[in-house]
C-alpha atoms as a PDB file:
ATOM      1  CA  MET A   1       3.921  -7.517  14.111  1.00  0.00           C
ATOM      2  CA  SER A   2       4.593  -4.606  12.708  1.00  0.00           C
ATOM      3  CA  PHE A   3       8.354  -4.809  14.691  1.00  0.00           C
ATOM      4  CA  MET A   4       9.728  -6.698  11.862  1.00  0.00           C
ATOM      5  CA  LEU A   5       9.005  -4.604   8.915  1.00  0.00           C
ATOM      6  CA  THR A   6      10.681  -1.809   8.438  1.00  0.00           C
ATOM      7  CA  LYS A   7       9.658   1.315   9.658  1.00  0.00           C
ATOM      8  CA  LEU A   8      10.110   5.146   7.646  1.00  0.00           C
ATOM      9  CA  SER A   9       9.421   7.658   9.791  1.00  0.00           C
ATOM     10  CA  THR A  10      10.535  10.855   7.274  1.00  0.00           C
ATOM     11  CA  LYS A  11       9.286  12.598   3.972  1.00  0.00           C
ATOM     12  CA  ARG A  12      13.821  11.687   3.153  1.00  0.00           C
ATOM     13  CA  GLU A  13      13.173   7.882   4.297  1.00  0.00           C
ATOM     14  CA  ILE A  14      10.114   7.825   1.643  1.00  0.00           C
ATOM     15  CA  ASP A  15      11.603   9.717  -1.148  1.00  0.00           C
ATOM     16  CA  GLU A  16      14.986   7.930  -0.950  1.00  0.00           C
ATOM     17  CA  VAL A  17      13.367   4.368  -0.654  1.00  0.00           C
ATOM     18  CA  ILE A  18      10.548   5.677  -3.553  1.00  0.00           C
ATOM     19  CA  GLN A  19      13.960   6.575  -6.033  1.00  0.00           C
ATOM     20  CA  ASN A  20      16.079   3.167  -4.806  1.00  0.00           C
ATOM     21  CA  THR A  21      13.734   0.716  -5.204  1.00  0.00           C
ATOM     22  CA  GLU A  22      14.077  -1.060  -8.169  1.00  0.00           C
ATOM     23  CA  ASP A  23      12.684  -3.415 -10.215  1.00  0.00           C
ATOM     24  CA  LEU A  24      10.342  -4.953  -7.043  1.00  0.00           C
ATOM     25  CA  VAL A  25       6.910  -3.422  -6.143  1.00  0.00           C
ATOM     26  CA  LEU A  26       7.247  -1.096  -3.120  1.00  0.00           C
ATOM     27  CA  VAL A  27       4.167  -1.757  -0.576  1.00  0.00           C
ATOM     28  CA  LEU A  28       4.053   1.172   1.419  1.00  0.00           C
ATOM     29  CA  ARG A  29       1.524   0.963   4.683  1.00  0.00           C
ATOM     30  CA  PHE A  30       0.368   4.445   5.990  1.00  0.00           C
ATOM     31  CA  GLY A  31      -1.286   3.728   9.092  1.00  0.00           C
ATOM     32  CA  ARG A  32      -1.083   4.112  12.979  1.00  0.00           C
ATOM     33  CA  GLU A  33       0.669   1.560  15.480  1.00  0.00           C
ATOM     34  CA  ASN A  34      -2.174   1.432  17.986  1.00  0.00           C
ATOM     35  CA  ASP A  35      -4.723   1.245  15.423  1.00  0.00           C
ATOM     36  CA  SER A  36      -6.709  -2.487  15.224  1.00  0.00           C
ATOM     37  CA  THR A  37      -6.812  -2.475  11.845  1.00  0.00           C
ATOM     38  CA  CYS A  38      -3.473  -1.054  11.206  1.00  0.00           C
ATOM     39  CA  LEU A  39      -2.088  -4.056  13.315  1.00  0.00           C
ATOM     40  CA  ARG A  40      -4.224  -6.683  11.263  1.00  0.00           C
ATOM     41  CA  LEU A  41      -2.698  -5.593   7.832  1.00  0.00           C
ATOM     42  CA  ASP A  42       0.683  -5.026   9.513  1.00  0.00           C
ATOM     43  CA  ASP A  43       0.142  -9.288  10.462  1.00  0.00           C
ATOM     44  CA  ILE A  44      -0.798  -9.548   7.068  1.00  0.00           C
ATOM     45  CA  LEU A  45       2.658  -8.043   5.556  1.00  0.00           C
ATOM     46  CA  ALA A  46       4.638  -9.467   8.276  1.00  0.00           C
ATOM     47  CA  LYS A  47       3.489 -13.025   7.146  1.00  0.00           C
ATOM     48  CA  ALA A  48       3.381 -12.153   3.325  1.00  0.00           C
ATOM     49  CA  SER A  49       6.682 -10.527   3.311  1.00  0.00           C
ATOM     50  CA  ALA A  50       9.120 -13.905   3.349  1.00  0.00           C
ATOM     51  CA  GLU A  51       7.476 -15.112   0.217  1.00  0.00           C
ATOM     52  CA  LEU A  52       6.989 -12.001  -1.772  1.00  0.00           C
ATOM     53  CA  ALA A  53      11.083 -11.268  -1.180  1.00  0.00           C
ATOM     54  CA  LYS A  54      12.125 -11.563  -4.574  1.00  0.00           C
ATOM     55  CA  MET A  55       9.110  -9.647  -5.844  1.00  0.00           C
ATOM     56  CA  ALA A  56       8.214  -6.578  -3.195  1.00  0.00           C
ATOM     57  CA  ALA A  57       9.841  -4.172  -0.552  1.00  0.00           C
ATOM     58  CA  ILE A  58       7.125  -3.461   2.233  1.00  0.00           C
ATOM     59  CA  TYR A  59       7.291  -0.564   4.834  1.00  0.00           C
ATOM     60  CA  ILE A  60       5.576   0.414   7.200  1.00  0.00           C
ATOM     61  CA  VAL A  61       4.983   4.564   7.737  1.00  0.00           C
ATOM     62  CA  GLU A  62       3.165   6.295  10.641  1.00  0.00           C
ATOM     63  CA  ILE A  63       0.708   8.835   8.985  1.00  0.00           C
ATOM     64  CA  ASP A  64       1.192  11.514  11.515  1.00  0.00           C
ATOM     65  CA  GLN A  65       5.105  11.768  11.216  1.00  0.00           C
ATOM     66  CA  VAL A  66       4.970  12.629   7.280  1.00  0.00           C
ATOM     67  CA  PRO A  67       1.708  14.893   7.121  1.00  0.00           C
ATOM     68  CA  VAL A  68       2.843  15.954   3.757  1.00  0.00           C
ATOM     69  CA  TYR A  69       2.416  12.558   2.178  1.00  0.00           C
ATOM     70  CA  ALA A  70      -1.138  12.254   3.935  1.00  0.00           C
ATOM     71  CA  GLN A  71      -2.357  15.064   2.183  1.00  0.00           C
ATOM     72  CA  TYR A  72       0.033  14.127  -1.164  1.00  0.00           C
ATOM     73  CA  PHE A  73      -2.304  10.677  -0.990  1.00  0.00           C
ATOM     74  CA  ASP A  74      -5.003  12.029   0.557  1.00  0.00           C
ATOM     75  CA  ILE A  75      -5.039   9.789   2.616  1.00  0.00           C
ATOM     76  CA  SER A  76      -8.166  10.730   5.247  1.00  0.00           C
ATOM     77  CA  LEU A  77      -8.893   6.961   6.294  1.00  0.00           C
ATOM     78  CA  ILE A  78      -6.350   4.343   7.862  1.00  0.00           C
ATOM     79  CA  PRO A  79      -4.394   2.651   7.025  1.00  0.00           C
ATOM     80  CA  ALA A  80      -4.301   2.943   3.181  1.00  0.00           C
ATOM     81  CA  THR A  81      -1.234   0.810   1.095  1.00  0.00           C
ATOM     82  CA  VAL A  82       0.012   2.547  -2.216  1.00  0.00           C
ATOM     83  CA  PHE A  83       2.553   0.516  -4.260  1.00  0.00           C
ATOM     84  CA  PHE A  84       4.939   1.789  -6.395  1.00  0.00           C
ATOM     85  CA  PHE A  85       7.288   0.643  -9.083  1.00  0.00           C
ATOM     86  CA  ASN A  86      10.645   1.558 -10.260  1.00  0.00           C
ATOM     87  CA  ALA A  87       9.588   4.912  -8.358  1.00  0.00           C
ATOM     88  CA  GLN A  88       6.305   5.221 -10.580  1.00  0.00           C
ATOM     89  CA  HIS A  89       3.285   5.122  -8.622  1.00  0.00           C
ATOM     90  CA  MET A  90       1.245   2.007  -9.816  1.00  0.00           C
ATOM     91  CA  LYS A  91      -2.348   2.037  -9.446  1.00  0.00           C
ATOM     92  CA  VAL A  92      -4.912  -0.680  -9.098  1.00  0.00           C
ATOM     93  CA  ASP A  93      -8.759  -0.324 -10.293  1.00  0.00           C
ATOM     94  CA  TRP A  94     -10.550  -1.725  -7.165  1.00  0.00           C
ATOM     95  CA  GLY A  95     -14.091  -1.280  -7.902  1.00  0.00           C
ATOM     96  CA  THR A  96     -13.874   1.891  -5.826  1.00  0.00           C
ATOM     97  CA  PRO A  97     -13.418   5.180  -6.798  1.00  0.00           C
ATOM     98  CA  ASP A  98     -10.204   5.855  -5.531  1.00  0.00           C
ATOM     99  CA  HIS A  99      -7.725   3.465  -7.634  1.00  0.00           C
ATOM    100  CA  GLY A 100      -4.431   5.083  -6.019  1.00  0.00           C
ATOM    101  CA  LYS A 101      -5.130   3.397  -2.592  1.00  0.00           C
ATOM    102  CA  PHE A 102      -6.534   0.103  -0.847  1.00  0.00           C
ATOM    103  CA  ILE A 103      -7.944   1.598   2.409  1.00  0.00           C
ATOM    104  CA  GLY A 104      -8.362  -0.693   5.045  1.00  0.00           C
ATOM    105  CA  SER A 105      -6.838  -3.822   5.545  1.00  0.00           C
ATOM    106  CA  PHE A 106      -6.624  -7.142   2.999  1.00  0.00           C
ATOM    107  CA  LYS A 107      -8.407 -10.262   4.553  1.00  0.00           C
ATOM    108  CA  THR A 108      -6.586 -13.012   3.910  1.00  0.00           C
ATOM    109  CA  LYS A 109      -2.673 -13.584   3.123  1.00  0.00           C
ATOM    110  CA  GLN A 110      -3.182 -14.819  -0.122  1.00  0.00           C
ATOM    111  CA  ASP A 111      -5.148 -11.521  -0.984  1.00  0.00           C
ATOM    112  CA  PHE A 112      -2.542  -9.344  -0.133  1.00  0.00           C
ATOM    113  CA  ILE A 113       0.049 -11.907  -2.408  1.00  0.00           C
ATOM    114  CA  ASP A 114      -2.164 -11.434  -5.602  1.00  0.00           C
ATOM    115  CA  VAL A 115      -2.305  -8.044  -5.720  1.00  0.00           C
ATOM    116  CA  VAL A 116       1.212  -7.745  -5.538  1.00  0.00           C
ATOM    117  CA  GLU A 117       1.945 -10.702  -8.443  1.00  0.00           C
ATOM    118  CA  THR A 118      -0.839  -8.617 -10.356  1.00  0.00           C
ATOM    119  CA  ILE A 119       0.981  -5.116  -9.716  1.00  0.00           C
ATOM    120  CA  PHE A 120       4.286  -6.639 -10.793  1.00  0.00           C
ATOM    121  CA  ARG A 121       3.324  -8.715 -13.490  1.00  0.00           C
ATOM    122  CA  GLY A 122       1.195  -5.328 -14.744  1.00  0.00           C
ATOM    123  CA  ALA A 123       4.450  -3.307 -13.987  1.00  0.00           C
ATOM    124  CA  MET A 124       6.539  -5.372 -15.875  1.00  0.00           C
ATOM    125  CA  LYS A 125       4.526  -4.941 -19.086  1.00  0.00           C
ATOM    126  CA  GLY A 126       4.749  -1.392 -18.333  1.00  0.00           C
ATOM    127  CA  LYS A 127       1.465  -1.017 -17.216  1.00  0.00           C
ATOM    128  CA  LEU A 128       0.844   1.877 -14.558  1.00  0.00           C
ATOM    129  CA  ILE A 129      -3.085   0.705 -13.618  1.00  0.00           C
ATOM    130  CA  VAL A 130      -4.095  -2.845 -13.303  1.00  0.00           C
ATOM    131  CA  HIS A 131      -7.367  -4.388 -12.639  1.00  0.00           C
ATOM    132  CA  SER A 132      -7.848  -5.976  -8.580  1.00  0.00           C
ATOM    133  CA  PRO A 133      -7.760  -9.796  -8.616  1.00  0.00           C
ATOM    134  CA  LEU A 134      -9.320  -9.536  -5.182  1.00  0.00           C
ATOM    135  CA  ASP A 135     -13.237 -10.818  -4.858  1.00  0.00           C
ATOM    136  CA  ALA A 136     -15.532  -7.420  -5.066  1.00  0.00           C
ATOM    137  CA  ALA A 137     -16.649  -8.571  -1.344  1.00  0.00           C
ATOM    138  CA  ASN A 138     -13.096  -8.548  -0.066  1.00  0.00           C
ATOM    139  CA  VAL A 139     -12.631  -4.384  -1.024  1.00  0.00           C
ATOM    140  CA  PRO A 140     -13.921  -2.096   1.535  1.00  0.00           C
ATOM    141  CA  LYS A 141     -16.276  -0.043   0.308  1.00  0.00           C
ATOM    142  CA  TYR A 142     -16.535   3.948   1.462  1.00  0.00           C
ATOM    143  CA  ASP A 143     -17.460   7.166   0.235  1.00  0.00           C
ATOM    144  CA  LEU A 144     -15.616   9.390  -0.634  1.00  0.00           C
ATOM    145  CA  ILE A 145     -16.460  13.306   0.425  1.00  0.00           C
ATOM    146  CA  TYR A 146     -14.740  16.139  -0.883  1.00  0.00           C
ATOM    147  CA  LYS A 147     -14.260  19.502   1.279  1.00  0.00           C
ATOM    148  CA  ASP A 148     -14.593  23.117  -0.487  1.00  0.00           C
ATOM    149  CA  ILE A 149     -11.572  24.687   1.392  1.00  0.00           C
END
């Protein structure tokens, strides 16, 4: 279903979308087109896009084509979903150490819709971080590993 979503392939396109998307939650899925988890997530995003048309703009990004964003958002696990509102990076307290992105696929379409609605409502109130509406069992758990450079 990734063919139903708009694909961004350059840093310039991503920058323009971030700067020009107003009063909508901007959803950027970073991943790879041939990854099974990314395909599952793309299916959920595509199915939810019609219901969220007045609340969100959803795009997919091939992580290998924009390594600058992979480094900026520290994307080492895919898929990673990042949220913005009026060019402001929105954070969600998932109950994990990383609030800047959602790692993995949402369990259901309704989970994704709930997250977007929560971010939208919080952003309209001026919040930059919101609490996850998802049950903790529906949030993938992972460990952050930091390497010395």
